[in-house]
Amino acid sequence: MERRLEAVQETMMIPLAIKAKETLRSNARIKDDKAVEIIRRLKVNADKYDKFMSHEGVVARTIMFDGALTDYLKKNPDAVCVNLGSGLDARFYRVDNGRILWCDIDLPEAMEVRKQFFKEEERVKQIAGSILEPQWTGVIPKGRPIVFLIEGVLMYFTEEQVKQLLFILSSAFDEFTLLAELNPTIMINQEKLHDTVKHTGAVFRWGLDHGKDLETMCPGLVMIQENSFNDVMKNGHSGAGCLELCQS
């Protein structure tokens, strides 16, 4: 188990540990019993990944993403939800309405770890592969509204990789909604100032100061809404946006 984790980006342990620690608080703002289970089974010292700013940021983005997706599903209860770079995220269990189809996608080594804790179900697929390669799009169910979620991932991509991902999405799907976490440009190459990422060796490679700027990277993409983590926490350093692709 531990050897397998060494092959995976350590950053996926940060939100897992924080969600577990927050869940165990008496006044918990989010509940993620699956995170608690995984941390206990892995016998991981969650304190290593649970620093104040990271903790508040992960809690804020979890609240924001869960809320935005729940609102989307009220309007699109039969949607296909695709979690890009899923890591050990358990959002399906927090938002499931009994009707959605859910797809978790991550690199093969990450998915190998994930499958030790999450099983495929009738409405849940687990897909091993790079989201920067188009092959995975062929197994996503068609004929339903589709929403992509990408959380804690894009800041580690280069600008060209972000453009590549958006091209893959827009080429394979005529319409979709994208819920995306975006880092501001001031954070590029500043990972050494981050209270938890600085210990992992990961690098912040890309960011945007305004979510609307993402429209220029993908023709047809239209900003619906942009929110700052400051809406949930003070002194936040990241944001999230909801964008929709409507191609003619």
Protein backbone atom coordinates (compact mmCIF):
# COMPACT_ATOMS: atom_id res chain seq x y z
CA MET A 1 0.00 0.00 0.00
CA GLU A 2 2.64 2.53 1.01
CA ARG A 3 4.84 1.65 -1.97
CA ARG A 4 1.87 2.18 -4.26
CA LEU A 5 1.21 5.62 -2.77
CA GLU A 6 4.79 6.67 -3.44
CA ALA A 7 4.07 6.40 -7.17
CA VAL A 8 1.12 8.79 -6.99
CA GLN A 9 1.26 12.57 -6.80
CA GLU A 10 1.33 13.25 -3.10
CA THR A 11 -0.92 16.26 -3.58
CA MET A 12 -3.96 13.98 -3.67
CA MET A 13 -3.37 13.24 0.01
CA ILE A 14 -3.83 16.89 1.00
CA PRO A 15 -7.60 17.24 0.39
CA LEU A 16 -8.18 13.71 1.66
CA ALA A 17 -6.48 14.39 5.00
CA ILE A 18 -8.16 17.78 5.41
CA LYS A 19 -11.64 16.44 4.67
CA ALA A 20 -11.06 13.67 7.19
CA LYS A 21 -9.84 16.06 9.89
CA GLU A 22 -12.73 18.49 9.27
CA THR A 23 -15.28 15.67 9.36
CA LEU A 24 -14.11 14.67 12.83
CA ARG A 25 -14.59 18.16 14.25
CA SER A 26 -17.62 18.71 16.48
CA ASN A 27 -18.66 21.69 14.35
CA ALA A 28 -17.68 20.20 11.00
CA ARG A 29 -18.58 22.31 7.97
CA ILE A 30 -18.34 19.33 5.62
CA LYS A 31 -18.88 15.61 6.15
CA ASP A 32 -16.76 13.07 4.31
CA ASP A 33 -16.85 9.74 6.14
CA LYS A 34 -15.08 8.06 3.22
CA ALA A 35 -12.06 10.32 3.73
CA VAL A 36 -11.97 9.33 7.40
CA GLU A 37 -12.13 5.64 6.45
CA ILE A 38 -9.31 5.92 3.90
CA ILE A 39 -6.98 7.90 6.18
CA ARG A 40 -7.50 5.32 8.93
CA ARG A 41 -6.96 2.37 6.60
CA LEU A 42 -3.80 3.93 5.20
CA LYS A 43 -2.60 4.79 8.72
CA VAL A 44 -1.57 8.19 7.37
CA ASN A 45 -0.54 10.99 9.71
CA ALA A 46 -3.09 13.56 8.54
CA ASP A 47 -1.36 16.35 10.49
CA LYS A 48 1.38 16.42 7.84
CA TYR A 49 -1.13 17.60 5.24
CA ASP A 50 -3.46 19.61 7.45
CA LYS A 51 -2.14 23.18 7.73
CA PHE A 52 -4.34 26.19 8.42
CA MET A 53 -4.52 27.90 5.01
CA SER A 54 -4.75 24.61 3.12
CA HIS A 55 -7.42 23.41 5.53
CA GLU A 56 -9.57 26.50 5.04
CA GLY A 57 -9.03 26.46 1.28
CA VAL A 58 -10.00 22.80 0.86
CA VAL A 59 -13.08 23.23 3.06
CA ALA A 60 -14.09 26.34 1.11
CA ARG A 61 -13.70 24.73 -2.30
CA THR A 62 -15.50 21.58 -1.15
CA ILE A 63 -18.46 23.67 0.00
CA MET A 64 -18.40 25.65 -3.25
CA PHE A 65 -18.09 22.66 -5.59
CA ASP A 66 -20.69 20.61 -3.73
CA GLY A 67 -23.07 23.57 -3.76
CA ALA A 68 -22.54 24.43 -7.42
CA LEU A 69 -22.97 20.81 -8.49
CA THR A 70 -26.08 20.36 -6.34
CA ASP A 71 -27.61 23.46 -7.94
CA TYR A 72 -26.74 22.12 -11.39
CA LEU A 73 -28.32 18.75 -10.62
CA LYS A 74 -31.57 20.40 -9.51
CA LYS A 75 -31.90 21.59 -13.11
CA ASN A 76 -30.31 18.51 -14.69
CA PRO A 77 -31.16 15.55 -12.43
CA ASP A 78 -30.17 12.93 -15.03
CA ALA A 79 -26.77 14.45 -15.82
CA VAL A 80 -23.47 12.70 -16.41
CA CYS A 81 -20.90 14.04 -13.94
CA VAL A 82 -17.25 13.57 -14.91
CA ASN A 83 -14.63 14.11 -12.20
CA LEU A 84 -11.36 14.94 -13.99
CA GLY A 85 -8.32 13.98 -11.92
CA SER A 86 -10.49 12.44 -9.21
CA GLY A 87 -7.74 11.32 -6.83
CA LEU A 88 -9.47 9.94 -3.74
CA ASP A 89 -12.45 12.27 -3.92
CA ALA A 90 -15.84 10.97 -2.72
CA ARG A 91 -18.13 13.72 -4.03
CA PHE A 92 -20.54 11.26 -5.64
CA TYR A 93 -21.69 10.11 -2.21
CA ARG A 94 -22.38 13.68 -1.10
CA VAL A 95 -24.40 14.81 -4.11
CA ASP A 96 -26.00 11.63 -5.48
CA ASN A 97 -29.70 12.08 -6.24
CA GLY A 98 -30.25 8.46 -7.25
CA ARG A 99 -30.35 9.31 -10.98
CA ILE A 100 -27.01 10.74 -12.07
CA LEU A 101 -24.28 8.82 -13.85
CA TRP A 102 -20.80 9.44 -12.45
CA CYS A 103 -17.33 8.94 -13.96
CA ASP A 104 -14.07 9.27 -12.02
CA ILE A 105 -10.95 9.62 -14.17
CA ASP A 106 -7.31 9.65 -13.09
CA LEU A 107 -3.90 8.37 -14.11
CA PRO A 108 -3.51 4.57 -13.99
CA GLU A 109 -1.28 4.60 -10.88
CA ALA A 110 -3.70 6.91 -9.06
CA MET A 111 -6.70 4.85 -10.14
CA GLU A 112 -4.98 1.69 -8.90
CA VAL A 113 -4.89 3.25 -5.43
CA ARG A 114 -8.44 4.58 -5.74
CA LYS A 115 -9.84 1.16 -6.60
CA GLN A 116 -8.66 -0.15 -3.24
CA PHE A 117 -11.27 2.08 -1.59
CA PHE A 118 -13.92 2.75 -4.24
CA LYS A 119 -15.80 0.15 -6.26
CA GLU A 120 -17.58 0.61 -9.55
CA GLU A 121 -21.35 0.64 -9.21
CA GLU A 122 -24.24 0.60 -11.64
CA ARG A 123 -24.08 4.37 -11.97
CA VAL A 124 -20.39 4.89 -11.21
CA LYS A 125 -17.48 4.27 -13.60
CA GLN A 126 -13.78 4.42 -12.74
CA ILE A 127 -11.58 5.21 -15.73
CA ALA A 128 -7.78 4.89 -15.74
CA GLY A 129 -6.05 7.23 -18.15
CA SER A 130 -4.66 10.68 -18.74
CA ILE A 131 -7.24 13.43 -19.17
CA LEU A 132 -4.79 14.94 -21.68
CA GLU A 133 -5.35 12.00 -24.03
CA PRO A 134 -8.72 11.86 -25.84
CA GLN A 135 -9.35 8.10 -25.54
CA TRP A 136 -11.32 8.40 -22.30
CA THR A 137 -14.01 10.52 -23.95
CA GLY A 138 -15.25 7.48 -25.84
CA VAL A 139 -16.51 5.75 -22.70
CA ILE A 140 -18.49 8.71 -21.34
CA PRO A 141 -22.26 8.09 -21.72
CA LYS A 142 -23.89 10.31 -24.31
CA GLY A 143 -27.42 11.67 -24.63
CA ARG A 144 -27.58 13.37 -21.24
CA PRO A 145 -26.50 16.78 -19.93
CA ILE A 146 -22.85 16.59 -18.98
CA VAL A 147 -20.87 18.46 -16.35
CA PHE A 148 -17.11 18.24 -15.88
CA LEU A 149 -15.47 18.95 -12.53
CA ILE A 150 -11.78 19.75 -12.25
CA GLU A 151 -10.58 20.60 -8.77
CA GLY A 152 -7.01 20.93 -7.54
CA VAL A 153 -5.57 19.99 -10.94
CA LEU A 154 -5.25 22.82 -13.46
CA MET A 155 -2.66 24.76 -11.45
CA TYR A 156 -0.21 21.88 -12.04
CA PHE A 157 -0.69 22.01 -15.83
CA THR A 158 1.10 24.25 -18.30
CA GLU A 159 -0.96 26.67 -20.37
CA GLU A 160 -0.56 24.39 -23.38
CA GLN A 161 -1.85 21.43 -21.41
CA VAL A 162 -4.89 23.42 -20.29
CA LYS A 163 -5.57 24.34 -23.91
CA GLN A 164 -5.11 20.68 -24.86
CA LEU A 165 -7.67 19.56 -22.27
CA LEU A 166 -10.20 22.18 -23.38
CA PHE A 167 -9.70 21.12 -27.00
CA ILE A 168 -10.34 17.48 -26.06
CA LEU A 169 -13.56 18.43 -24.25
CA SER A 170 -14.88 20.72 -26.98
CA SER A 171 -14.00 18.25 -29.74
CA ALA A 172 -15.76 15.31 -28.10
CA PHE A 173 -18.83 17.05 -26.61
CA ASP A 174 -21.08 19.56 -28.34
CA GLU A 175 -22.36 20.99 -25.07
CA PHE A 176 -21.14 20.74 -21.51
CA THR A 177 -20.78 22.64 -18.26
CA LEU A 178 -17.39 22.95 -16.60
CA LEU A 179 -16.84 23.55 -12.89
CA ALA A 180 -13.20 24.50 -12.55
CA GLU A 181 -10.85 25.65 -9.81
CA LEU A 182 -8.45 28.35 -11.03
CA ASN A 183 -5.34 29.70 -9.34
CA PRO A 184 -4.42 33.38 -9.83
CA THR A 185 -1.30 34.10 -11.88
CA ILE A 186 0.50 35.43 -8.80
CA MET A 187 0.71 31.84 -7.56
CA ILE A 188 2.67 30.57 -10.58
CA ASN A 189 6.00 29.13 -9.38
CA GLN A 190 5.11 30.14 -5.83
CA GLU A 191 4.39 26.66 -4.52
CA LYS A 192 7.21 27.04 -1.99
CA LEU A 193 5.01 29.59 -0.19
CA HIS A 194 2.12 27.11 0.08
CA ASP A 195 1.85 25.53 3.51
CA THR A 196 1.34 21.97 2.28
CA VAL A 197 2.19 21.79 -1.45
CA LYS A 198 5.74 22.99 -0.68
CA HIS A 199 6.40 19.60 0.94
CA THR A 200 5.31 17.54 -2.08
CA GLY A 201 7.59 18.65 -4.91
CA ALA A 202 4.62 19.77 -7.03
CA VAL A 203 4.89 23.03 -9.01
CA PHE A 204 2.22 25.65 -9.77
CA ARG A 205 2.58 26.12 -13.53
CA TRP A 206 -0.51 28.03 -14.65
CA GLY A 207 -3.18 30.42 -13.49
CA LEU A 208 -5.68 33.09 -14.52
CA ASP A 209 -6.70 36.27 -12.79
CA HIS A 210 -10.21 36.22 -14.27
CA GLY A 211 -12.18 33.10 -15.13
CA LYS A 212 -13.59 34.83 -18.18
CA ASP A 213 -10.09 34.72 -19.70
CA LEU A 214 -10.62 30.99 -20.13
CA GLU A 215 -13.13 31.80 -22.89
CA THR A 216 -10.26 32.90 -25.14
CA MET A 217 -8.64 29.48 -24.78
CA CYS A 218 -11.72 27.57 -25.96
CA PRO A 219 -14.04 29.01 -28.64
CA GLY A 220 -17.66 28.53 -27.60
CA LEU A 221 -16.92 28.50 -23.88
CA VAL A 222 -19.01 31.07 -22.00
CA MET A 223 -18.53 32.15 -18.39
CA ILE A 224 -21.73 31.62 -16.37
CA GLN A 225 -20.51 32.49 -12.90
CA GLU A 226 -17.29 33.10 -11.00
CA ASN A 227 -16.84 32.95 -7.26
CA SER A 228 -13.85 33.47 -5.01
CA PHE A 229 -13.01 31.27 -2.07
CA ASN A 230 -13.27 34.56 -0.19
CA ASP A 231 -17.02 33.97 -0.38
CA VAL A 232 -16.48 31.15 2.10
CA MET A 233 -13.19 32.05 3.75
CA LYS A 234 -11.15 35.19 4.24
CA ASN A 235 -7.72 35.60 2.66
CA GLY A 236 -8.37 32.85 0.11
CA HIS A 237 -5.81 32.31 -2.63
CA SER A 238 -7.88 30.45 -5.22
CA GLY A 239 -11.18 30.67 -7.01
CA ALA A 240 -13.68 28.57 -8.84
CA GLY A 241 -15.71 29.25 -11.92
CA CYS A 242 -18.63 27.72 -13.78
CA LEU A 243 -18.38 27.82 -17.54
CA GLU A 244 -20.59 26.40 -20.24
CA LEU A 245 -19.78 25.33 -23.78
CA CYS A 246 -22.59 25.89 -26.28
CA GLN A 247 -21.38 25.21 -29.79
CA SER A 248 -23.39 25.96 -32.89
